[in-house]
């Protein structure tokens, strides 16, 4: 599967999971968050290992794409990681916890919009279909816990 399509499907899963979490009762929030957190981390690891790291190694000539893979993406990841750390010091039944999760959701929504609207089309120009298919296969294998193919 094409890496871009793979990530778009993952984005849809994350949106659905956040929808359930934000609508959940205070008693259910912790369980849903515990299930979602590793998925968010795995998604970021997939992007870095199979897409953004290789793009950076390729030395892409598109300035916006280059800036994204070298700086912008990492900045957004650090922002979300900081917010996730804040949730660990709070109780899921607290209003502050829910407000922090909403901040995470909002940051990820912006991230997804930027990726899907601006970055993915640039990747589609930088990498041909075969390269995107290879990266998508690597992502699928990594998510399934299989060793990377080279």
C-alpha atoms as a PDB file:
ATOM      1  CA  UNK A   1       0.000   0.000   0.000  1.00  0.00           C
ATOM      2  CA  UNK A   2       1.136   3.528  -0.760  1.00  0.00           C
ATOM      3  CA  UNK A   3       2.649   5.187   2.354  1.00  0.00           C
ATOM      4  CA  UNK A   4       0.434   8.241   1.969  1.00  0.00           C
ATOM      5  CA  UNK A   5      -2.740   6.141   1.802  1.00  0.00           C
ATOM      6  CA  UNK A   6      -1.540   4.105   4.784  1.00  0.00           C
ATOM      7  CA  UNK A   7      -1.030   7.245   6.870  1.00  0.00           C
ATOM      8  CA  UNK A   8      -4.355   8.724   5.785  1.00  0.00           C
ATOM      9  CA  UNK A   9      -6.079   5.546   7.026  1.00  0.00           C
ATOM     10  CA  UNK A  10      -4.165   5.801  10.295  1.00  0.00           C
ATOM     11  CA  UNK A  11      -5.287   9.424  10.617  1.00  0.00           C
ATOM     12  CA  UNK A  12      -8.918   8.345  10.238  1.00  0.00           C
ATOM     13  CA  UNK A  13      -8.472   5.731  12.988  1.00  0.00           C
ATOM     14  CA  UNK A  14      -6.933   8.343  15.301  1.00  0.00           C
ATOM     15  CA  UNK A  15      -9.757  10.802  14.620  1.00  0.00           C
ATOM     16  CA  UNK A  16     -12.336   8.118  15.451  1.00  0.00           C
ATOM     17  CA  UNK A  17     -10.494   7.156  18.654  1.00  0.00           C
ATOM     18  CA  UNK A  18     -10.324  10.797  19.760  1.00  0.00           C
ATOM     19  CA  UNK A  19     -14.011  11.199  18.979  1.00  0.00           C
ATOM     20  CA  UNK A  20     -14.854   8.309  21.308  1.00  0.00           C
ATOM     21  CA  UNK A  21     -12.472   9.590  23.984  1.00  0.00           C
ATOM     22  CA  UNK A  22     -13.809  13.133  23.975  1.00  0.00           C
ATOM     23  CA  UNK A  23     -17.399  11.888  24.192  1.00  0.00           C
ATOM     24  CA  UNK A  24     -16.676   9.270  26.874  1.00  0.00           C
ATOM     25  CA  UNK A  25     -17.822   9.443  30.442  1.00  0.00           C
ATOM     26  CA  UNK A  26     -15.192  10.503  32.974  1.00  0.00           C
ATOM     27  CA  UNK A  27     -15.001   6.886  34.174  1.00  0.00           C
ATOM     28  CA  UNK A  28     -14.168   5.595  30.650  1.00  0.00           C
ATOM     29  CA  UNK A  29     -11.606   8.246  29.656  1.00  0.00           C
ATOM     30  CA  UNK A  30      -8.604   6.657  31.313  1.00  0.00           C
ATOM     31  CA  UNK A  31      -9.120   3.295  29.628  1.00  0.00           C
ATOM     32  CA  UNK A  32      -9.598   4.865  26.200  1.00  0.00           C
ATOM     33  CA  UNK A  33      -6.554   7.109  26.655  1.00  0.00           C
ATOM     34  CA  UNK A  34      -4.440   4.147  27.757  1.00  0.00           C
ATOM     35  CA  UNK A  35      -5.355   2.403  24.493  1.00  0.00           C
ATOM     36  CA  UNK A  36      -4.817   5.480  22.311  1.00  0.00           C
ATOM     37  CA  UNK A  37      -1.458   6.677  23.664  1.00  0.00           C
ATOM     38  CA  UNK A  38       0.659   3.786  22.310  1.00  0.00           C
ATOM     39  CA  UNK A  39      -1.053   4.169  18.924  1.00  0.00           C
ATOM     40  CA  UNK A  40      -0.029   7.825  18.774  1.00  0.00           C
ATOM     41  CA  UNK A  41       3.567   6.938  19.654  1.00  0.00           C
ATOM     42  CA  UNK A  42       3.657   4.111  17.101  1.00  0.00           C
ATOM     43  CA  UNK A  43       2.289   6.438  14.416  1.00  0.00           C
ATOM     44  CA  UNK A  44       5.029   8.970  15.043  1.00  0.00           C
ATOM     45  CA  UNK A  45       7.666   6.219  14.966  1.00  0.00           C
ATOM     46  CA  UNK A  46       6.292   4.903  11.651  1.00  0.00           C
ATOM     47  CA  UNK A  47       6.386   8.357  10.109  1.00  0.00           C
ATOM     48  CA  UNK A  48       9.939   8.974  11.243  1.00  0.00           C
ATOM     49  CA  UNK A  49      11.381   5.561  10.369  1.00  0.00           C
ATOM     50  CA  UNK A  50       9.657   4.960   7.044  1.00  0.00           C
ATOM     51  CA  UNK A  51       8.848   8.394   5.652  1.00  0.00           C
ATOM     52  CA  UNK A  52      10.397  11.517   7.128  1.00  0.00           C
ATOM     53  CA  UNK A  53      13.780  10.019   8.019  1.00  0.00           C
ATOM     54  CA  UNK A  54      14.279   8.550   4.530  1.00  0.00           C
ATOM     55  CA  UNK A  55      13.047  11.771   2.905  1.00  0.00           C
ATOM     56  CA  UNK A  56      15.569  13.750   4.924  1.00  0.00           C
ATOM     57  CA  UNK A  57      18.318  11.291   3.935  1.00  0.00           C
ATOM     58  CA  UNK A  58      17.314  11.693   0.292  1.00  0.00           C
ATOM     59  CA  UNK A  59      17.972  15.426   0.542  1.00  0.00           C
ATOM     60  CA  UNK A  60      14.737  16.530  -1.131  1.00  0.00           C
ATOM     61  CA  UNK A  61      14.948  19.778  -3.089  1.00  0.00           C
ATOM     62  CA  UNK A  62      11.443  21.021  -2.226  1.00  0.00           C
ATOM     63  CA  UNK A  63      12.162  23.684   0.432  1.00  0.00           C
ATOM     64  CA  UNK A  64       8.799  23.343   2.221  1.00  0.00           C
ATOM     65  CA  UNK A  65       9.078  19.555   2.346  1.00  0.00           C
ATOM     66  CA  UNK A  66      12.693  19.768   3.486  1.00  0.00           C
ATOM     67  CA  UNK A  67      11.735  22.185   6.274  1.00  0.00           C
ATOM     68  CA  UNK A  68       8.943  19.867   7.346  1.00  0.00           C
ATOM     69  CA  UNK A  69      11.095  16.743   7.559  1.00  0.00           C
ATOM     70  CA  UNK A  70      14.033  18.480   9.214  1.00  0.00           C
ATOM     71  CA  UNK A  71      12.277  20.811  11.677  1.00  0.00           C
ATOM     72  CA  UNK A  72       8.530  21.417  11.542  1.00  0.00           C
ATOM     73  CA  UNK A  73       7.387  17.827  12.058  1.00  0.00           C
ATOM     74  CA  UNK A  74       9.713  17.399  15.041  1.00  0.00           C
ATOM     75  CA  UNK A  75       8.451  20.657  16.593  1.00  0.00           C
ATOM     76  CA  UNK A  76       4.874  19.426  16.379  1.00  0.00           C
ATOM     77  CA  UNK A  77       5.813  16.040  17.833  1.00  0.00           C
ATOM     78  CA  UNK A  78       7.546  17.713  20.804  1.00  0.00           C
ATOM     79  CA  UNK A  79       4.494  19.905  21.421  1.00  0.00           C
ATOM     80  CA  UNK A  80       2.201  16.884  21.584  1.00  0.00           C
ATOM     81  CA  UNK A  81       4.658  14.862  23.683  1.00  0.00           C
ATOM     82  CA  UNK A  82       4.768  17.711  26.208  1.00  0.00           C
ATOM     83  CA  UNK A  83       0.986  17.749  26.422  1.00  0.00           C
ATOM     84  CA  UNK A  84       0.892  13.970  26.814  1.00  0.00           C
ATOM     85  CA  UNK A  85       3.325  14.286  29.737  1.00  0.00           C
ATOM     86  CA  UNK A  86       0.933  16.782  31.333  1.00  0.00           C
ATOM     87  CA  UNK A  87      -1.907  14.241  31.171  1.00  0.00           C
ATOM     88  CA  UNK A  88       0.233  11.811  33.171  1.00  0.00           C
ATOM     89  CA  UNK A  89       0.191  14.190  36.141  1.00  0.00           C
ATOM     90  CA  UNK A  90      -3.597  14.537  36.070  1.00  0.00           C
ATOM     91  CA  UNK A  91      -6.578  12.286  36.651  1.00  0.00           C
ATOM     92  CA  UNK A  92      -8.798  11.479  33.649  1.00  0.00           C
ATOM     93  CA  UNK A  93     -11.858  12.527  35.661  1.00  0.00           C
ATOM     94  CA  UNK A  94     -10.471  16.067  36.102  1.00  0.00           C
ATOM     95  CA  UNK A  95     -11.535  18.946  33.881  1.00  0.00           C
ATOM     96  CA  UNK A  96      -7.855  19.939  33.409  1.00  0.00           C
ATOM     97  CA  UNK A  97      -7.075  16.472  32.071  1.00  0.00           C
ATOM     98  CA  UNK A  98      -9.872  16.713  29.531  1.00  0.00           C
ATOM     99  CA  UNK A  99      -8.765  20.230  28.545  1.00  0.00           C
ATOM    100  CA  UNK A 100      -5.233  18.938  27.957  1.00  0.00           C
ATOM    101  CA  UNK A 101      -6.497  16.035  25.836  1.00  0.00           C
ATOM    102  CA  UNK A 102      -8.526  18.550  23.808  1.00  0.00           C
ATOM    103  CA  UNK A 103      -5.282  20.508  23.248  1.00  0.00           C
ATOM    104  CA  UNK A 104      -3.615  17.301  22.029  1.00  0.00           C
ATOM    105  CA  UNK A 105      -6.569  16.640  19.752  1.00  0.00           C
ATOM    106  CA  UNK A 106      -6.464  20.180  18.347  1.00  0.00           C
ATOM    107  CA  UNK A 107      -2.689  20.001  17.752  1.00  0.00           C
ATOM    108  CA  UNK A 108      -3.052  16.666  15.981  1.00  0.00           C
ATOM    109  CA  UNK A 109      -5.938  17.970  13.874  1.00  0.00           C
ATOM    110  CA  UNK A 110      -3.718  20.834  12.665  1.00  0.00           C
ATOM    111  CA  UNK A 111      -0.868  18.397  12.075  1.00  0.00           C
ATOM    112  CA  UNK A 112      -3.092  16.103   9.992  1.00  0.00           C
ATOM    113  CA  UNK A 113      -4.469  19.032   7.979  1.00  0.00           C
ATOM    114  CA  UNK A 114      -0.970  20.258   7.196  1.00  0.00           C
ATOM    115  CA  UNK A 115       0.275  16.782   6.298  1.00  0.00           C
ATOM    116  CA  UNK A 116      -2.670  15.839   4.119  1.00  0.00           C
ATOM    117  CA  UNK A 117      -3.128  19.274   2.557  1.00  0.00           C
ATOM    118  CA  UNK A 118       0.453  20.366   1.933  1.00  0.00           C
ATOM    119  CA  UNK A 119       3.040  17.723   2.773  1.00  0.00           C
ATOM    120  CA  UNK A 120       1.615  14.521   1.293  1.00  0.00           C
ATOM    121  CA  UNK A 121       1.152  16.073  -2.173  1.00  0.00           C
ATOM    122  CA  UNK A 122       4.801  17.187  -2.043  1.00  0.00           C
ATOM    123  CA  UNK A 123       5.891  13.675  -1.057  1.00  0.00           C
ATOM    124  CA  UNK A 124       3.897  12.322  -4.002  1.00  0.00           C
ATOM    125  CA  UNK A 125       5.993  14.559  -6.268  1.00  0.00           C
ATOM    126  CA  UNK A 126       9.293  13.737  -4.534  1.00  0.00           C
ATOM    127  CA  UNK A 127       8.840   9.948  -4.480  1.00  0.00           C
ATOM    128  CA  UNK A 128       7.476   7.842  -7.322  1.00  0.00           C
ATOM    129  CA  UNK A 129       4.761   5.265  -6.767  1.00  0.00           C
ATOM    130  CA  UNK A 130       7.220   2.385  -6.253  1.00  0.00           C
ATOM    131  CA  UNK A 131       9.067   4.292  -3.516  1.00  0.00           C
ATOM    132  CA  UNK A 132       5.792   5.198  -1.787  1.00  0.00           C
ATOM    133  CA  UNK A 133       4.641   1.559  -2.043  1.00  0.00           C
ATOM    134  CA  UNK A 134       7.915   0.359  -0.502  1.00  0.00           C
ATOM    135  CA  UNK A 135       7.551   2.824   2.380  1.00  0.00           C
ATOM    136  CA  UNK A 136       3.919   1.779   2.862  1.00  0.00           C
ATOM    137  CA  UNK A 137       4.966  -1.873   3.067  1.00  0.00           C
ATOM    138  CA  UNK A 138       7.605  -0.973   5.626  1.00  0.00           C
ATOM    139  CA  UNK A 139       4.979   0.877   7.671  1.00  0.00           C
ATOM    140  CA  UNK A 140       2.562  -2.041   7.520  1.00  0.00           C
ATOM    141  CA  UNK A 141       5.312  -4.470   8.586  1.00  0.00           C
ATOM    142  CA  UNK A 142       6.537  -2.186  11.364  1.00  0.00           C
ATOM    143  CA  UNK A 143       2.999  -1.783  12.703  1.00  0.00           C
ATOM    144  CA  UNK A 144       2.579  -5.565  12.638  1.00  0.00           C
ATOM    145  CA  UNK A 145       5.823  -5.944  14.577  1.00  0.00           C
ATOM    146  CA  UNK A 146       7.752  -7.506  11.689  1.00  0.00           C
ATOM    147  CA  UNK A 147      11.414  -6.643  11.073  1.00  0.00           C
ATOM    148  CA  UNK A 148      12.124  -3.959   8.477  1.00  0.00           C
ATOM    149  CA  UNK A 149      12.779  -5.035   4.886  1.00  0.00           C
ATOM    150  CA  UNK A 150      15.596  -3.406   2.958  1.00  0.00           C
END
